[in-house]
Amino acid sequence: MFLILDKADLDADTALARHITYVHAHNCHPELDFTPVDSSFIRAYISQARQLDPYVPVDLTNFIVQSYVDMRARDADAAADAGTQSVMTARQLLSILRLSQALARLRFSRRVELEDVEESIRLVHMCKASLLEDDTFTGEDPTTRIYSLIRDYAIARGKNTVNYAEIERTLLTKGFTQDQIDACLEEYEGIAVWKINPSRTQITFVNPN
C-alpha cells in the first residue's frame, strides 16, 4: 500500500524530523521564532474549559444521526469489499459527540456548533484511516478520489449541478484537505469536465452523460 502525501504533509514531516534530530544532536530544542504560551496559563485555560458542559442543540441532532448512518453504510460497503468487519460503531458515535463538546470547550462555548461536529467526524475518519486499510487508501491519488466522490454525489441526486459549499463540507469530513479539494476542482475544470460559477457556489458537469 502506498500512502500519497501532499506538499503540506511533506513540509510538516520535514519540520518534525529536523526538530527531532536537532534535539538529539544538541540535547535542547532549537531557538524558537515565537514566544511560547506560559505553562501556567495553559493549565489555567484547561482548568476553566473543563468546567463547561456544552450541549448539543436539537437542530444538530438530525445532521449527527444522518452522518452516523452514512458512515456506517460507507464502512459496511468497504468492509464487504475488503472482506473485513470494520464498521462504524455506537462507541465511535459517542467519540464524535465527546470530541464535538471538547472543541466547543476550547472556545468556552456552552453550545456545540455544526463546525465542531464536522471536525469531529473528520478526526474520527482520519483516525480509522490511519489504523485500517479502508476506502480512503485505495491506491488512487486524492484528486481522482475527490472527483469520484463529486461525480457519485451528483449521480446519486440525479443532478448535473451540485452545491459547492455542500460538497466541500462533505469532502472535508471525509478527511481530504482544502488544498486537495482545490487542486481537484482546478484540474477538472481545466480539462472542461465541469464548470464552477464565478461566485463559487455551484459545480456543473459539462457532459454529464
Protein backbone atom coordinates (compact mmCIF):
# COMPACT_ATOMS: atom_id res chain seq x y z
CA MET A 1 0.00 0.00 0.00
CA PHE A 2 1.36 3.43 -0.94
CA LEU A 3 0.46 6.46 1.16
CA ILE A 4 0.22 9.56 -1.02
CA LEU A 5 1.25 12.74 0.76
CA ASP A 6 0.67 16.28 -0.44
CA LYS A 7 3.19 19.11 -0.09
CA ALA A 8 1.77 20.26 3.24
CA ASP A 9 2.20 16.74 4.66
CA LEU A 10 5.80 16.57 3.44
CA ASP A 11 6.64 20.02 4.83
CA ALA A 12 5.23 19.06 8.22
CA ASP A 13 7.13 15.75 8.24
CA THR A 14 10.37 17.51 7.29
CA ALA A 15 9.96 20.10 10.03
CA LEU A 16 9.24 17.39 12.61
CA ALA A 17 12.26 15.33 11.51
CA ARG A 18 14.55 18.36 11.72
CA HIS A 19 13.27 19.24 15.17
CA ILE A 20 13.83 15.70 16.49
CA THR A 21 17.34 15.41 15.05
CA TYR A 22 18.28 18.84 16.45
CA VAL A 23 17.12 17.86 19.95
CA HIS A 24 19.12 14.62 19.80
CA ALA A 25 22.22 16.39 18.50
CA HIS A 26 22.19 19.35 20.93
CA ASN A 27 20.18 17.98 23.88
CA CYS A 28 17.88 21.02 23.75
CA HIS A 29 15.19 22.39 21.48
CA PRO A 30 16.13 24.77 18.64
CA GLU A 31 15.74 28.51 19.06
CA LEU A 32 12.10 29.49 18.65
CA ASP A 33 10.89 32.28 16.37
CA PHE A 34 7.90 32.94 18.64
CA THR A 35 7.16 33.35 22.33
CA PRO A 36 5.53 30.18 23.68
CA VAL A 37 2.49 30.45 25.92
CA ASP A 38 3.37 30.11 29.59
CA SER A 39 2.58 26.66 31.03
CA SER A 40 0.71 28.19 33.97
CA PHE A 41 -1.61 29.95 31.52
CA ILE A 42 -2.26 26.67 29.68
CA ARG A 43 -3.10 24.91 32.95
CA ALA A 44 -5.47 27.71 33.95
CA TYR A 45 -7.08 27.67 30.48
CA ILE A 46 -7.67 23.91 30.63
CA SER A 47 -8.99 24.15 34.18
CA GLN A 48 -11.56 26.75 33.16
CA ALA A 49 -12.56 24.89 29.98
CA ARG A 50 -13.19 21.69 31.93
CA GLN A 51 -15.87 23.43 33.96
CA LEU A 52 -18.06 23.78 30.85
CA ASP A 53 -20.50 21.10 29.72
CA PRO A 54 -21.52 22.12 26.17
CA TYR A 55 -24.87 20.80 24.97
CA VAL A 56 -25.80 19.54 21.51
CA PRO A 57 -28.72 21.64 20.19
CA VAL A 58 -31.76 19.90 18.79
CA ASP A 59 -31.19 21.36 15.31
CA LEU A 60 -27.92 19.39 15.03
CA THR A 61 -29.29 16.00 16.02
CA ASN A 62 -30.62 15.13 12.55
CA PHE A 63 -27.26 16.00 10.98
CA ILE A 64 -25.38 13.85 13.52
CA VAL A 65 -27.74 10.91 13.08
CA GLN A 66 -27.58 11.07 9.27
CA SER A 67 -23.78 11.41 9.34
CA TYR A 68 -23.57 8.34 11.57
CA VAL A 69 -25.86 6.35 9.28
CA ASP A 70 -23.85 7.41 6.21
CA MET A 71 -20.55 6.47 7.85
CA ARG A 72 -21.91 3.04 8.86
CA ALA A 73 -23.16 2.42 5.33
CA ARG A 74 -19.87 3.50 3.79
CA ASP A 75 -17.87 1.37 6.24
CA ALA A 76 -20.14 -1.62 5.59
CA ASP A 77 -19.59 -1.34 1.82
CA ALA A 78 -15.83 -1.00 2.28
CA ALA A 79 -15.73 -3.92 4.73
CA ALA A 80 -17.69 -6.12 2.32
CA ASP A 81 -15.27 -5.30 -0.50
CA ALA A 82 -12.22 -5.94 1.70
CA GLY A 83 -13.64 -8.97 3.49
CA THR A 84 -13.29 -7.37 6.93
CA GLN A 85 -15.71 -6.44 9.72
CA SER A 86 -14.66 -2.85 10.39
CA VAL A 87 -17.88 -0.84 10.67
CA MET A 88 -18.72 2.40 12.44
CA THR A 89 -19.98 1.62 15.95
CA ALA A 90 -22.07 3.38 18.57
CA ARG A 91 -18.87 3.84 20.59
CA GLN A 92 -17.41 5.89 17.74
CA LEU A 93 -20.60 7.94 17.60
CA LEU A 94 -20.03 8.69 21.27
CA SER A 95 -16.47 9.71 20.40
CA ILE A 96 -17.83 12.19 17.84
CA LEU A 97 -20.15 13.71 20.44
CA ARG A 98 -17.37 13.98 23.04
CA LEU A 99 -14.93 15.47 20.54
CA SER A 100 -17.58 17.99 19.49
CA GLN A 101 -18.06 19.03 23.10
CA ALA A 102 -14.30 19.27 23.60
CA LEU A 103 -13.98 21.57 20.59
CA ALA A 104 -16.76 23.76 21.97
CA ARG A 105 -14.92 23.93 25.31
CA LEU A 106 -11.84 25.27 23.52
CA ARG A 107 -13.92 28.32 22.59
CA PHE A 108 -15.53 28.47 26.05
CA SER A 109 -18.83 27.86 24.31
CA ARG A 110 -21.77 26.22 26.06
CA ARG A 111 -23.24 25.14 22.72
CA VAL A 112 -21.86 22.67 20.17
CA GLU A 113 -21.86 24.11 16.65
CA LEU A 114 -22.04 22.42 13.24
CA GLU A 115 -18.33 23.10 12.66
CA ASP A 116 -17.48 21.20 15.85
CA VAL A 117 -19.39 18.13 14.68
CA GLU A 118 -17.87 18.25 11.19
CA GLU A 119 -14.34 18.50 12.57
CA SER A 120 -15.04 15.63 14.98
CA ILE A 121 -16.27 13.43 12.13
CA ARG A 122 -13.14 14.29 10.15
CA LEU A 123 -10.90 13.39 13.09
CA VAL A 124 -12.65 10.06 13.67
CA HIS A 125 -12.46 9.26 9.97
CA MET A 126 -8.72 10.06 9.82
CA CYS A 127 -8.10 8.01 12.97
CA LYS A 128 -9.78 4.99 11.37
CA ALA A 129 -7.89 5.58 8.12
CA SER A 130 -4.56 5.59 9.95
CA LEU A 131 -5.31 2.20 11.52
CA LEU A 132 -7.14 0.39 8.74
CA GLU A 133 -6.76 -0.02 5.00
CA ASP A 134 -10.22 1.40 4.39
CA ASP A 135 -11.70 3.09 1.36
CA THR A 136 -9.66 6.25 1.95
CA PHE A 137 -6.49 4.48 0.80
CA THR A 138 -7.35 2.52 -2.31
CA GLY A 139 -4.19 3.34 -4.28
CA GLU A 140 -5.88 6.20 -6.13
CA ASP A 141 -4.47 9.67 -5.76
CA PRO A 142 -6.53 12.24 -3.78
CA THR A 143 -7.54 14.14 -6.94
CA THR A 144 -9.07 11.02 -8.50
CA ARG A 145 -10.85 10.04 -5.29
CA ILE A 146 -12.29 13.54 -4.86
CA TYR A 147 -13.52 13.58 -8.46
CA SER A 148 -15.17 10.18 -8.00
CA LEU A 149 -16.94 11.35 -4.85
CA ILE A 150 -18.24 14.53 -6.53
CA ARG A 151 -19.40 12.54 -9.56
CA ASP A 152 -21.13 9.93 -7.41
CA TYR A 153 -22.67 12.70 -5.30
CA ALA A 154 -24.24 14.24 -8.42
CA ILE A 155 -25.39 10.88 -9.82
CA ALA A 156 -27.00 9.87 -6.53
CA ARG A 157 -29.09 13.06 -6.63
CA GLY A 158 -29.85 12.87 -10.35
CA LYS A 159 -28.39 16.33 -10.93
CA ASN A 160 -25.77 17.85 -13.24
CA THR A 161 -25.09 20.67 -10.80
CA VAL A 162 -24.03 20.31 -7.16
CA ASN A 163 -23.82 22.86 -4.38
CA TYR A 164 -20.20 23.94 -3.94
CA ALA A 165 -20.31 24.53 -0.18
CA GLU A 166 -22.22 21.30 0.43
CA ILE A 167 -19.78 19.06 -1.47
CA GLU A 168 -16.81 20.88 0.04
CA ARG A 169 -18.13 20.20 3.54
CA THR A 170 -18.72 16.55 2.65
CA LEU A 171 -15.17 16.13 1.35
CA LEU A 172 -13.63 17.80 4.40
CA THR A 173 -15.49 15.47 6.74
CA LYS A 174 -14.09 12.53 4.75
CA GLY A 175 -10.58 13.67 5.62
CA PHE A 176 -9.47 15.50 2.48
CA THR A 177 -7.60 18.78 2.88
CA GLN A 178 -8.70 22.09 1.39
CA ASP A 179 -5.61 22.13 -0.85
CA GLN A 180 -6.50 18.68 -2.24
CA ILE A 181 -10.08 19.77 -2.94
CA ASP A 182 -8.97 23.00 -4.64
CA ALA A 183 -6.42 21.11 -6.76
CA CYS A 184 -9.07 18.64 -7.96
CA LEU A 185 -11.59 21.36 -8.78
CA GLU A 186 -8.98 23.32 -10.72
CA GLU A 187 -7.65 20.30 -12.61
CA TYR A 188 -11.03 19.02 -13.78
CA GLU A 189 -12.26 22.50 -14.61
CA GLY A 190 -9.12 22.94 -16.71
CA ILE A 191 -9.99 19.91 -18.86
CA ALA A 192 -13.64 21.01 -19.13
CA VAL A 193 -15.15 18.18 -17.09
CA TRP A 194 -17.11 20.72 -15.08
CA LYS A 195 -17.53 24.46 -14.70
CA ILE A 196 -17.53 26.44 -11.47
CA ASN A 197 -19.60 29.62 -11.49
CA PRO A 198 -17.83 32.92 -10.68
CA SER A 199 -19.34 33.13 -7.20
CA ARG A 200 -18.13 29.56 -6.49
CA THR A 201 -21.49 28.35 -5.31
CA GLN A 202 -22.13 25.65 -7.95
CA ILE A 203 -20.22 22.96 -9.84
CA THR A 204 -21.83 21.93 -13.13
CA PHE A 205 -20.77 18.90 -15.17
CA VAL A 206 -20.23 19.85 -18.82
CA ASN A 207 -21.04 16.43 -20.32
CA PRO A 208 -22.88 14.50 -17.59
CA ASN A 209 -23.51 11.54 -19.87
